[in-house]
Amino acid sequence: MSTFSDQLINLRTKRGLSQEQLADKLYVSRQAVSKWEKADSTPDLDKVIQIAKILDVSLDELVLGIAQKEVKPGTSGWYKVNNGYEFIAKFWWIPIALIWSIFGMLHQFK
């Protein structure tokens, strides 16, 4: 598992930012960023959140080094169905629930 300082160095350089550029975006000194990267000190929570936003990563990835699964639109989730057979296999219960609801409502009006 990576440390915060390792992740900060890795993600900052991957984004093409110098310590000075990151420091400017965070309104801190370059020396502060250097201390974070050397693990001589750690930023407060507000700064960690800002860093994650600037580097466009989750807090898990920044702090723990745990990358989120990359999800491409339309490739995951309960709504992805390729054909009618998959739809029936996943959503067989919907027609039964609808019929049951309709009969229940009709029974109320008798």
PDB file of N, CA and C in Angstrom:
ATOM      1  N   MET A   1       0.839  -1.174   0.000  1.00  0.00           N
ATOM      2  CA  MET A   1       0.000   0.000   0.000  1.00  0.00           C
ATOM      3  C   MET A   1       0.885   1.239   0.000  1.00  0.00           C
ATOM      4  N   SER A   2       0.543   2.198  -0.808  1.00  0.00           N
ATOM      5  CA  SER A   2       1.316   3.427  -0.923  1.00  0.00           C
ATOM      6  C   SER A   2       1.016   4.370   0.225  1.00  0.00           C
ATOM      7  N   THR A   3       1.994   5.172   0.537  1.00  0.00           N
ATOM      8  CA  THR A   3       1.776   6.205   1.543  1.00  0.00           C
ATOM      9  C   THR A   3       1.245   7.445   0.857  1.00  0.00           C
ATOM     10  N   PHE A   4       0.718   8.350   1.657  1.00  0.00           N
ATOM     11  CA  PHE A   4       0.192   9.605   1.109  1.00  0.00           C
ATOM     12  C   PHE A   4       1.285  10.345   0.343  1.00  0.00           C
ATOM     13  N   SER A   5       2.485  10.413   0.913  1.00  0.00           N
ATOM     14  CA  SER A   5       3.561  11.162   0.256  1.00  0.00           C
ATOM     15  C   SER A   5       3.920  10.537  -1.098  1.00  0.00           C
ATOM     16  N   ASP A   6       3.961   9.210  -1.162  1.00  0.00           N
ATOM     17  CA  ASP A   6       4.239   8.539  -2.438  1.00  0.00           C
ATOM     18  C   ASP A   6       3.150   8.837  -3.460  1.00  0.00           C
ATOM     19  N   GLN A   7       1.920   8.771  -3.019  1.00  0.00           N
ATOM     20  CA  GLN A   7       0.799   9.033  -3.912  1.00  0.00           C
ATOM     21  C   GLN A   7       0.813  10.476  -4.401  1.00  0.00           C
ATOM     22  N   LEU A   8       1.108  11.402  -3.507  1.00  0.00           N
ATOM     23  CA  LEU A   8       1.138  12.813  -3.885  1.00  0.00           C
ATOM     24  C   LEU A   8       2.193  13.043  -4.969  1.00  0.00           C
ATOM     25  N   ILE A   9       3.379  12.500  -4.774  1.00  0.00           N
ATOM     26  CA  ILE A   9       4.442  12.653  -5.781  1.00  0.00           C
ATOM     27  C   ILE A   9       4.008  12.036  -7.106  1.00  0.00           C
ATOM     28  N   ASN A  10       3.522  10.812  -7.041  1.00  0.00           N
ATOM     29  CA  ASN A  10       3.128  10.081  -8.241  1.00  0.00           C
ATOM     30  C   ASN A  10       2.020  10.810  -9.010  1.00  0.00           C
ATOM     31  N   LEU A  11       0.964  11.181  -8.303  1.00  0.00           N
ATOM     32  CA  LEU A  11      -0.180  11.815  -8.969  1.00  0.00           C
ATOM     33  C   LEU A  11       0.155  13.221  -9.462  1.00  0.00           C
ATOM     34  N   ARG A  12       0.948  13.950  -8.696  1.00  0.00           N
ATOM     35  CA  ARG A  12       1.330  15.305  -9.112  1.00  0.00           C
ATOM     36  C   ARG A  12       2.163  15.256 -10.390  1.00  0.00           C
ATOM     37  N   THR A  13       3.152  14.370 -10.417  1.00  0.00           N
ATOM     38  CA  THR A  13       4.003  14.277 -11.607  1.00  0.00           C
ATOM     39  C   THR A  13       3.234  13.707 -12.800  1.00  0.00           C
ATOM     40  N   LYS A  14       2.325  12.772 -12.529  1.00  0.00           N
ATOM     41  CA  LYS A  14       1.503  12.213 -13.607  1.00  0.00           C
ATOM     42  C   LYS A  14       0.655  13.307 -14.267  1.00  0.00           C
ATOM     43  N   ARG A  15       0.221  14.293 -13.477  1.00  0.00           N
ATOM     44  CA  ARG A  15      -0.589  15.399 -14.006  1.00  0.00           C
ATOM     45  C   ARG A  15       0.286  16.520 -14.587  1.00  0.00           C
ATOM     46  N   GLY A  16       1.597  16.338 -14.493  1.00  0.00           N
ATOM     47  CA  GLY A  16       2.504  17.329 -15.075  1.00  0.00           C
ATOM     48  C   GLY A  16       2.615  18.613 -14.267  1.00  0.00           C
ATOM     49  N   LEU A  17       2.363  18.518 -12.971  1.00  0.00           N
ATOM     50  CA  LEU A  17       2.437  19.702 -12.108  1.00  0.00           C
ATOM     51  C   LEU A  17       3.743  19.701 -11.323  1.00  0.00           C
ATOM     52  N   SER A  18       4.355  20.857 -11.220  1.00  0.00           N
ATOM     53  CA  SER A  18       5.513  20.988 -10.340  1.00  0.00           C
ATOM     54  C   SER A  18       5.014  21.228  -8.921  1.00  0.00           C
ATOM     55  N   GLN A  19       5.924  21.129  -7.960  1.00  0.00           N
ATOM     56  CA  GLN A  19       5.550  21.449  -6.573  1.00  0.00           C
ATOM     57  C   GLN A  19       5.060  22.886  -6.488  1.00  0.00           C
ATOM     58  N   GLU A  20       5.721  23.767  -7.205  1.00  0.00           N
ATOM     59  CA  GLU A  20       5.346  25.189  -7.201  1.00  0.00           C
ATOM     60  C   GLU A  20       3.935  25.394  -7.747  1.00  0.00           C
ATOM     61  N   GLN A  21       3.604  24.727  -8.842  1.00  0.00           N
ATOM     62  CA  GLN A  21       2.275  24.869  -9.441  1.00  0.00           C
ATOM     63  C   GLN A  21       1.190  24.341  -8.506  1.00  0.00           C
ATOM     64  N   LEU A  22       1.440  23.196  -7.897  1.00  0.00           N
ATOM     65  CA  LEU A  22       0.468  22.653  -6.947  1.00  0.00           C
ATOM     66  C   LEU A  22       0.315  23.584  -5.754  1.00  0.00           C
ATOM     67  N   ALA A  23       1.436  24.089  -5.262  1.00  0.00           N
ATOM     68  CA  ALA A  23       1.404  25.010  -4.126  1.00  0.00           C
ATOM     69  C   ALA A  23       0.581  26.259  -4.456  1.00  0.00           C
ATOM     70  N   ASP A  24       0.764  26.788  -5.668  1.00  0.00           N
ATOM     71  CA  ASP A  24       0.000  27.978  -6.071  1.00  0.00           C
ATOM     72  C   ASP A  24      -1.498  27.701  -6.085  1.00  0.00           C
ATOM     73  N   LYS A  25      -1.883  26.537  -6.569  1.00  0.00           N
ATOM     74  CA  LYS A  25      -3.309  26.183  -6.623  1.00  0.00           C
ATOM     75  C   LYS A  25      -3.901  26.005  -5.224  1.00  0.00           C
ATOM     76  N   LEU A  26      -3.051  25.619  -4.269  1.00  0.00           N
ATOM     77  CA  LEU A  26      -3.504  25.372  -2.894  1.00  0.00           C
ATOM     78  C   LEU A  26      -3.292  26.581  -1.980  1.00  0.00           C
ATOM     79  N   TYR A  27      -2.656  27.616  -2.509  1.00  0.00           N
ATOM     80  CA  TYR A  27      -2.336  28.814  -1.717  1.00  0.00           C
ATOM     81  C   TYR A  27      -1.462  28.468  -0.518  1.00  0.00           C
ATOM     82  N   VAL A  28      -0.455  27.636  -0.780  1.00  0.00           N
ATOM     83  CA  VAL A  28       0.545  27.293   0.234  1.00  0.00           C
ATOM     84  C   VAL A  28       1.916  27.495  -0.400  1.00  0.00           C
ATOM     85  N   SER A  29       2.950  27.360   0.399  1.00  0.00           N
ATOM     86  CA  SER A  29       4.304  27.502  -0.138  1.00  0.00           C
ATOM     87  C   SER A  29       4.752  26.203  -0.808  1.00  0.00           C
ATOM     88  N   ARG A  30       5.745  26.337  -1.694  1.00  0.00           N
ATOM     89  CA  ARG A  30       6.316  25.147  -2.320  1.00  0.00           C
ATOM     90  C   ARG A  30       6.957  24.262  -1.266  1.00  0.00           C
ATOM     91  N   GLN A  31       7.495  24.892  -0.213  1.00  0.00           N
ATOM     92  CA  GLN A  31       8.123  24.140   0.863  1.00  0.00           C
ATOM     93  C   GLN A  31       7.108  23.256   1.587  1.00  0.00           C
ATOM     94  N   ALA A  32       5.869  23.729   1.703  1.00  0.00           N
ATOM     95  CA  ALA A  32       4.822  22.917   2.343  1.00  0.00           C
ATOM     96  C   ALA A  32       4.577  21.649   1.529  1.00  0.00           C
ATOM     97  N   VAL A  33       4.471  21.801   0.212  1.00  0.00           N
ATOM     98  CA  VAL A  33       4.261  20.635  -0.651  1.00  0.00           C
ATOM     99  C   VAL A  33       5.460  19.701  -0.546  1.00  0.00           C
ATOM    100  N   SER A  34       6.666  20.264  -0.520  1.00  0.00           N
ATOM    101  CA  SER A  34       7.877  19.457  -0.381  1.00  0.00           C
ATOM    102  C   SER A  34       7.864  18.657   0.922  1.00  0.00           C
ATOM    103  N   LYS A  35       7.443  19.286   2.017  1.00  0.00           N
ATOM    104  CA  LYS A  35       7.369  18.584   3.310  1.00  0.00           C
ATOM    105  C   LYS A  35       6.347  17.458   3.268  1.00  0.00           C
ATOM    106  N   TRP A  36       5.209  17.685   2.585  1.00  0.00           N
ATOM    107  CA  TRP A  36       4.204  16.635   2.461  1.00  0.00           C
ATOM    108  C   TRP A  36       4.779  15.451   1.687  1.00  0.00           C
ATOM    109  N   GLU A  37       5.525  15.759   0.614  1.00  0.00           N
ATOM    110  CA  GLU A  37       6.076  14.693  -0.227  1.00  0.00           C
ATOM    111  C   GLU A  37       7.222  13.948   0.459  1.00  0.00           C
ATOM    112  N   LYS A  38       7.902  14.598   1.382  1.00  0.00           N
ATOM    113  CA  LYS A  38       8.966  13.928   2.153  1.00  0.00           C
ATOM    114  C   LYS A  38       8.410  13.244   3.392  1.00  0.00           C
ATOM    115  N   ALA A  39       7.115  13.403   3.639  1.00  0.00           N
ATOM    116  CA  ALA A  39       6.435  12.864   4.815  1.00  0.00           C
ATOM    117  C   ALA A  39       6.955  13.498   6.101  1.00  0.00           C
ATOM    118  N   ASP A  40       7.455  14.736   5.986  1.00  0.00           N
ATOM    119  CA  ASP A  40       7.866  15.477   7.178  1.00  0.00           C
ATOM    120  C   ASP A  40       6.655  16.079   7.882  1.00  0.00           C
ATOM    121  N   SER A  41       5.596  16.318   7.118  1.00  0.00           N
ATOM    122  CA  SER A  41       4.336  16.816   7.685  1.00  0.00           C
ATOM    123  C   SER A  41       3.207  16.345   6.786  1.00  0.00           C
ATOM    124  N   THR A  42       1.994  16.536   7.244  1.00  0.00           N
ATOM    125  CA  THR A  42       0.829  16.169   6.438  1.00  0.00           C
ATOM    126  C   THR A  42      -0.125  17.358   6.373  1.00  0.00           C
ATOM    127  N   PRO A  43      -0.794  17.512   5.264  1.00  0.00           N
ATOM    128  CA  PRO A  43      -1.746  18.617   5.137  1.00  0.00           C
ATOM    129  C   PRO A  43      -3.001  18.357   5.970  1.00  0.00           C
ATOM    130  N   ASP A  44      -3.706  19.421   6.286  1.00  0.00           N
ATOM    131  CA  ASP A  44      -4.964  19.232   7.004  1.00  0.00           C
ATOM    132  C   ASP A  44      -6.012  18.686   6.035  1.00  0.00           C
ATOM    133  N   LEU A  45      -7.126  18.264   6.576  1.00  0.00           N
ATOM    134  CA  LEU A  45      -8.149  17.589   5.777  1.00  0.00           C
ATOM    135  C   LEU A  45      -8.663  18.469   4.643  1.00  0.00           C
ATOM    136  N   ASP A  46      -8.846  19.757   4.900  1.00  0.00           N
ATOM    137  CA  ASP A  46      -9.318  20.651   3.835  1.00  0.00           C
ATOM    138  C   ASP A  46      -8.353  20.656   2.658  1.00  0.00           C
ATOM    139  N   LYS A  47      -7.066  20.681   2.951  1.00  0.00           N
ATOM    140  CA  LYS A  47      -6.056  20.677   1.881  1.00  0.00           C
ATOM    141  C   LYS A  47      -6.047  19.334   1.148  1.00  0.00           C
ATOM    142  N   VAL A  48      -6.223  18.245   1.873  1.00  0.00           N
ATOM    143  CA  VAL A  48      -6.252  16.924   1.232  1.00  0.00           C
ATOM    144  C   VAL A  48      -7.420  16.855   0.248  1.00  0.00           C
ATOM    145  N   ILE A  49      -8.558  17.384   0.642  1.00  0.00           N
ATOM    146  CA  ILE A  49      -9.723  17.401  -0.249  1.00  0.00           C
ATOM    147  C   ILE A  49      -9.441  18.258  -1.473  1.00  0.00           C
ATOM    148  N   GLN A  50      -8.827  19.418  -1.276  1.00  0.00           N
ATOM    149  CA  GLN A  50      -8.468  20.285  -2.406  1.00  0.00           C
ATOM    150  C   GLN A  50      -7.473  19.600  -3.338  1.00  0.00           C
ATOM    151  N   ILE A  51      -6.495  18.922  -2.764  1.00  0.00           N
ATOM    152  CA  ILE A  51      -5.499  18.205  -3.571  1.00  0.00           C
ATOM    153  C   ILE A  51      -6.185  17.147  -4.428  1.00  0.00           C
ATOM    154  N   ALA A  52      -7.094  16.394  -3.832  1.00  0.00           N
ATOM    155  CA  ALA A  52      -7.814  15.354  -4.577  1.00  0.00           C
ATOM    156  C   ALA A  52      -8.588  15.967  -5.747  1.00  0.00           C
ATOM    157  N   LYS A  53      -9.205  17.117  -5.521  1.00  0.00           N
ATOM    158  CA  LYS A  53      -9.943  17.781  -6.601  1.00  0.00           C
ATOM    159  C   LYS A  53      -9.001  18.267  -7.689  1.00  0.00           C
ATOM    160  N   ILE A  54      -7.904  18.863  -7.303  1.00  0.00           N
ATOM    161  CA  ILE A  54      -6.936  19.372  -8.280  1.00  0.00           C
ATOM    162  C   ILE A  54      -6.344  18.238  -9.108  1.00  0.00           C
ATOM    163  N   LEU A  55      -6.021  17.134  -8.461  1.00  0.00           N
ATOM    164  CA  LEU A  55      -5.414  15.994  -9.151  1.00  0.00           C
ATOM    165  C   LEU A  55      -6.458  15.083  -9.785  1.00  0.00           C
ATOM    166  N   ASP A  56      -7.734  15.393  -9.575  1.00  0.00           N
ATOM    167  CA  ASP A  56      -8.849  14.647 -10.161  1.00  0.00           C
ATOM    168  C   ASP A  56      -8.808  13.167  -9.793  1.00  0.00           C
ATOM    169  N   VAL A  57      -8.682  12.918  -8.479  1.00  0.00           N
ATOM    170  CA  VAL A  57      -8.688  11.549  -7.957  1.00  0.00           C
ATOM    171  C   VAL A  57      -9.601  11.492  -6.739  1.00  0.00           C
ATOM    172  N   SER A  58      -9.964  10.274  -6.355  1.00  0.00           N
ATOM    173  CA  SER A  58     -10.756  10.103  -5.142  1.00  0.00           C
ATOM    174  C   SER A  58      -9.843  10.246  -3.930  1.00  0.00           C
ATOM    175  N   LEU A  59     -10.444  10.473  -2.781  1.00  0.00           N
ATOM    176  CA  LEU A  59      -9.665  10.530  -1.547  1.00  0.00           C
ATOM    177  C   LEU A  59      -9.018   9.175  -1.256  1.00  0.00           C
ATOM    178  N   ASP A  60      -9.706   8.094  -1.574  1.00  0.00           N
ATOM    179  CA  ASP A  60      -9.130   6.752  -1.390  1.00  0.00           C
ATOM    180  C   ASP A  60      -7.845   6.597  -2.184  1.00  0.00           C
ATOM    181  N   GLU A  61      -7.878   7.055  -3.419  1.00  0.00           N
ATOM    182  CA  GLU A  61      -6.685   6.924  -4.249  1.00  0.00           C
ATOM    183  C   GLU A  61      -5.561   7.813  -3.751  1.00  0.00           C
ATOM    184  N   LEU A  62      -5.885   9.031  -3.358  1.00  0.00           N
ATOM    185  CA  LEU A  62      -4.865   9.956  -2.878  1.00  0.00           C
ATOM    186  C   LEU A  62      -4.256   9.506  -1.557  1.00  0.00           C
ATOM    187  N   VAL A  63      -5.091   9.143  -0.606  1.00  0.00           N
ATOM    188  CA  VAL A  63      -4.604   8.842   0.736  1.00  0.00           C
ATOM    189  C   VAL A  63      -4.133   7.401   0.876  1.00  0.00           C
ATOM    190  N   LEU A  64      -4.896   6.471   0.328  1.00  0.00           N
ATOM    191  CA  LEU A  64      -4.598   5.050   0.522  1.00  0.00           C
ATOM    192  C   LEU A  64      -3.942   4.375  -0.675  1.00  0.00           C
ATOM    193  N   GLY A  65      -3.978   5.036  -1.809  1.00  0.00           N
ATOM    194  CA  GLY A  65      -3.421   4.426  -3.007  1.00  0.00           C
ATOM    195  C   GLY A  65      -4.335   3.397  -3.632  1.00  0.00           C
ATOM    196  N   ILE A  66      -5.606   3.439  -3.274  1.00  0.00           N
ATOM    197  CA  ILE A  66      -6.586   2.493  -3.804  1.00  0.00           C
ATOM    198  C   ILE A  66      -7.330   3.169  -4.941  1.00  0.00           C
ATOM    199  N   ALA A  67      -7.038   2.748  -6.153  1.00  0.00           N
ATOM    200  CA  ALA A  67      -7.682   3.347  -7.313  1.00  0.00           C
ATOM    201  C   ALA A  67      -9.104   2.832  -7.439  1.00  0.00           C
ATOM    202  N   GLN A  68     -10.001   3.716  -7.784  1.00  0.00           N
ATOM    203  CA  GLN A  68     -11.385   3.329  -8.027  1.00  0.00           C
ATOM    204  C   GLN A  68     -11.445   2.585  -9.346  1.00  0.00           C
ATOM    205  N   LYS A  69     -12.367   1.633  -9.431  1.00  0.00           N
ATOM    206  CA  LYS A  69     -12.547   0.933 -10.696  1.00  0.00           C
ATOM    207  C   LYS A  69     -13.004   1.951 -11.727  1.00  0.00           C
ATOM    208  N   GLU A  70     -12.367   1.887 -12.876  1.00  0.00           N
ATOM    209  CA  GLU A  70     -12.776   2.787 -13.942  1.00  0.00           C
ATOM    210  C   GLU A  70     -14.060   2.242 -14.551  1.00  0.00           C
ATOM    211  N   VAL A  71     -15.084   3.066 -14.582  1.00  0.00           N
ATOM    212  CA  VAL A  71     -16.374   2.652 -15.108  1.00  0.00           C
ATOM    213  C   VAL A  71     -16.668   3.477 -16.341  1.00  0.00           C
ATOM    214  N   LYS A  72     -16.812   2.784 -17.451  1.00  0.00           N
ATOM    215  CA  LYS A  72     -17.153   3.469 -18.691  1.00  0.00           C
ATOM    216  C   LYS A  72     -18.671   3.552 -18.777  1.00  0.00           C
ATOM    217  N   PRO A  73     -19.184   4.662 -19.270  1.00  0.00           N
ATOM    218  CA  PRO A  73     -20.642   4.810 -19.354  1.00  0.00           C
ATOM    219  C   PRO A  73     -21.283   3.662 -20.122  1.00  0.00           C
ATOM    220  N   GLY A  74     -22.327   3.109 -19.544  1.00  0.00           N
ATOM    221  CA  GLY A  74     -23.090   2.051 -20.194  1.00  0.00           C
ATOM    222  C   GLY A  74     -22.488   0.672 -20.092  1.00  0.00           C
ATOM    223  N   THR A  75     -21.394   0.503 -19.326  1.00  0.00           N
ATOM    224  CA  THR A  75     -20.774  -0.815 -19.257  1.00  0.00           C
ATOM    225  C   THR A  75     -21.054  -1.538 -17.959  1.00  0.00           C
ATOM    226  N   SER A  76     -21.675  -0.869 -17.018  1.00  0.00           N
ATOM    227  CA  SER A  76     -21.976  -1.549 -15.771  1.00  0.00           C
ATOM    228  C   SER A  76     -23.305  -1.042 -15.242  1.00  0.00           C
ATOM    229  N   GLY A  77     -23.770  -1.706 -14.232  1.00  0.00           N
ATOM    230  CA  GLY A  77     -25.027  -1.295 -13.636  1.00  0.00           C
ATOM    231  C   GLY A  77     -26.145  -2.226 -14.027  1.00  0.00           C
ATOM    232  N   TRP A  78     -27.248  -2.126 -13.328  1.00  0.00           N
ATOM    233  CA  TRP A  78     -28.365  -3.033 -13.551  1.00  0.00           C
ATOM    234  C   TRP A  78     -29.074  -2.757 -14.864  1.00  0.00           C
ATOM    235  N   TYR A  79     -28.889  -1.587 -15.438  1.00  0.00           N
ATOM    236  CA  TYR A  79     -29.620  -1.181 -16.632  1.00  0.00           C
ATOM    237  C   TYR A  79     -28.995  -1.690 -17.923  1.00  0.00           C
ATOM    238  N   LYS A  80     -27.772  -2.240 -17.880  1.00  0.00           N
ATOM    239  CA  LYS A  80     -27.121  -2.683 -19.111  1.00  0.00           C
ATOM    240  C   LYS A  80     -27.676  -4.037 -19.535  1.00  0.00           C
ATOM    241  N   VAL A  81     -28.310  -4.046 -20.674  1.00  0.00           N
ATOM    242  CA  VAL A  81     -28.872  -5.281 -21.219  1.00  0.00           C
ATOM    243  C   VAL A  81     -28.573  -5.297 -22.714  1.00  0.00           C
ATOM    244  N   ASN A  82     -28.003  -6.394 -23.202  1.00  0.00           N
ATOM    245  CA  ASN A  82     -27.615  -6.473 -24.605  1.00  0.00           C
ATOM    246  C   ASN A  82     -28.718  -6.984 -25.529  1.00  0.00           C
ATOM    247  N   ASN A  83     -29.609  -7.817 -25.003  1.00  0.00           N
ATOM    248  CA  ASN A  83     -30.652  -8.360 -25.864  1.00  0.00           C
ATOM    249  C   ASN A  83     -31.881  -8.719 -25.031  1.00  0.00           C
ATOM    250  N   GLY A  84     -32.928  -9.178 -25.717  1.00  0.00           N
ATOM    251  CA  GLY A  84     -34.180  -9.507 -25.045  1.00  0.00           C
ATOM    252  C   GLY A  84     -34.065 -10.630 -24.039  1.00  0.00           C
ATOM    253  N   TYR A  85     -33.220 -11.605 -24.324  1.00  0.00           N
ATOM    254  CA  TYR A  85     -33.051 -12.727 -23.400  1.00  0.00           C
ATOM    255  C   TYR A  85     -32.429 -12.268 -22.077  1.00  0.00           C
ATOM    256  N   GLU A  86     -31.439 -11.373 -22.177  1.00  0.00           N
ATOM    257  CA  GLU A  86     -30.835 -10.839 -20.955  1.00  0.00           C
ATOM    258  C   GLU A  86     -31.852 -10.016 -20.170  1.00  0.00           C
ATOM    259  N   PHE A  87     -32.673  -9.278 -20.889  1.00  0.00           N
ATOM    260  CA  PHE A  87     -33.710  -8.480 -20.224  1.00  0.00           C
ATOM    261  C   PHE A  87     -34.652  -9.392 -19.448  1.00  0.00           C
ATOM    262  N   ILE A  88     -35.117 -10.447 -20.099  1.00  0.00           N
ATOM    263  CA  ILE A  88     -36.028 -11.383 -19.434  1.00  0.00           C
ATOM    264  C   ILE A  88     -35.345 -12.036 -18.239  1.00  0.00           C
ATOM    265  N   ALA A  89     -34.072 -12.410 -18.401  1.00  0.00           N
ATOM    266  CA  ALA A  89     -33.346 -13.061 -17.315  1.00  0.00           C
ATOM    267  C   ALA A  89     -33.176 -12.132 -16.109  1.00  0.00           C
ATOM    268  N   LYS A  90     -32.960 -10.840 -16.372  1.00  0.00           N
ATOM    269  CA  LYS A  90     -32.731  -9.898 -15.273  1.00  0.00           C
ATOM    270  C   LYS A  90     -34.020  -9.341 -14.682  1.00  0.00           C
ATOM    271  N   PHE A  91     -35.025  -9.170 -15.541  1.00  0.00           N
ATOM    272  CA  PHE A  91     -36.210  -8.452 -15.091  1.00  0.00           C
ATOM    273  C   PHE A  91     -37.490  -9.273 -15.211  1.00  0.00           C
ATOM    274  N   TRP A  92     -37.401 -10.577 -15.022  1.00  0.00           N
ATOM    275  CA  TRP A  92     -38.553 -11.460 -15.132  1.00  0.00           C
ATOM    276  C   TRP A  92     -39.633 -11.103 -14.120  1.00  0.00           C
ATOM    277  N   TRP A  93     -39.242 -10.518 -13.015  1.00  0.00           N
ATOM    278  CA  TRP A  93     -40.159 -10.235 -11.913  1.00  0.00           C
ATOM    279  C   TRP A  93     -41.040  -9.016 -12.187  1.00  0.00           C
ATOM    280  N   ILE A  94     -40.661  -8.157 -13.130  1.00  0.00           N
ATOM    281  CA  ILE A  94     -41.433  -6.927 -13.385  1.00  0.00           C
ATOM    282  C   ILE A  94     -42.844  -7.235 -13.890  1.00  0.00           C
ATOM    283  N   PRO A  95     -43.035  -8.085 -14.927  1.00  0.00           N
ATOM    284  CA  PRO A  95     -44.412  -8.364 -15.361  1.00  0.00           C
ATOM    285  C   PRO A  95     -45.252  -8.994 -14.258  1.00  0.00           C
ATOM    286  N   ILE A  96     -44.647  -9.865 -13.462  1.00  0.00           N
ATOM    287  CA  ILE A  96     -45.391 -10.502 -12.369  1.00  0.00           C
ATOM    288  C   ILE A  96     -45.826  -9.447 -11.360  1.00  0.00           C
ATOM    289  N   ALA A  97     -44.936  -8.530 -11.019  1.00  0.00           N
ATOM    290  CA  ALA A  97     -45.269  -7.472 -10.068  1.00  0.00           C
ATOM    291  C   ALA A  97     -46.361  -6.557 -10.622  1.00  0.00           C
ATOM    292  N   LEU A  98     -46.295  -6.242 -11.904  1.00  0.00           N
ATOM    293  CA  LEU A  98     -47.319  -5.387 -12.515  1.00  0.00           C
ATOM    294  C   LEU A  98     -48.682  -6.073 -12.523  1.00  0.00           C
ATOM    295  N   ILE A  99     -48.708  -7.329 -12.920  1.00  0.00           N
ATOM    296  CA  ILE A  99     -49.975  -8.066 -12.954  1.00  0.00           C
ATOM    297  C   ILE A  99     -50.555  -8.170 -11.545  1.00  0.00           C
ATOM    298  N   TRP A 100     -49.717  -8.477 -10.591  1.00  0.00           N
ATOM    299  CA  TRP A 100     -50.158  -8.589  -9.198  1.00  0.00           C
ATOM    300  C   TRP A 100     -50.721  -7.256  -8.707  1.00  0.00           C
ATOM    301  N   SER A 101     -50.058  -6.148  -9.052  1.00  0.00           N
ATOM    302  CA  SER A 101     -50.535  -4.826  -8.653  1.00  0.00           C
ATOM    303  C   SER A 101     -51.871  -4.499  -9.300  1.00  0.00           C
ATOM    304  N   ILE A 102     -52.006  -4.809 -10.590  1.00  0.00           N
ATOM    305  CA  ILE A 102     -53.262  -4.518 -11.307  1.00  0.00           C
ATOM    306  C   ILE A 102     -54.410  -5.318 -10.709  1.00  0.00           C
ATOM    307  N   PHE A 103     -54.189  -6.611 -10.478  1.00  0.00           N
ATOM    308  CA  PHE A 103     -55.242  -7.419  -9.872  1.00  0.00           C
ATOM    309  C   PHE A 103     -55.583  -6.922  -8.471  1.00  0.00           C
ATOM    310  N   GLY A 104     -54.589  -6.485  -7.731  1.00  0.00           N
ATOM    311  CA  GLY A 104     -54.835  -5.933  -6.395  1.00  0.00           C
ATOM    312  C   GLY A 104     -55.701  -4.695  -6.438  1.00  0.00           C
ATOM    313  N   MET A 105     -55.421  -3.804  -7.406  1.00  0.00           N
ATOM    314  CA  MET A 105     -56.233  -2.591  -7.537  1.00  0.00           C
ATOM    315  C   MET A 105     -57.636  -2.906  -7.984  1.00  0.00           C
ATOM    316  N   LEU A 106     -57.785  -3.838  -8.924  1.00  0.00           N
ATOM    317  CA  LEU A 106     -59.111  -4.217  -9.395  1.00  0.00           C
ATOM    318  C   LEU A 106     -59.930  -4.853  -8.283  1.00  0.00           C
ATOM    319  N   HIS A 107     -59.280  -5.646  -7.445  1.00  0.00           N
ATOM    320  CA  HIS A 107     -59.959  -6.297  -6.341  1.00  0.00           C
ATOM    321  C   HIS A 107     -60.486  -5.260  -5.331  1.00  0.00           C
ATOM    322  N   GLN A 108     -59.755  -4.147  -5.175  1.00  0.00           N
ATOM    323  CA  GLN A 108     -60.192  -3.092  -4.253  1.00  0.00           C
ATOM    324  C   GLN A 108     -61.471  -2.426  -4.715  1.00  0.00           C
ATOM    325  N   PHE A 109     -61.683  -2.304  -6.020  1.00  0.00           N
ATOM    326  CA  PHE A 109     -62.826  -1.588  -6.538  1.00  0.00           C
ATOM    327  C   PHE A 109     -64.088  -2.447  -6.618  1.00  0.00           C
ATOM    328  N   LYS A 110     -64.003  -3.699  -6.268  1.00  0.00           N
ATOM    329  CA  LYS A 110     -65.193  -4.560  -6.305  1.00  0.00           C
ATOM    330  C   LYS A 110     -66.061  -4.317  -5.115  1.00  0.00           C
TER     331      LYS A 110
END
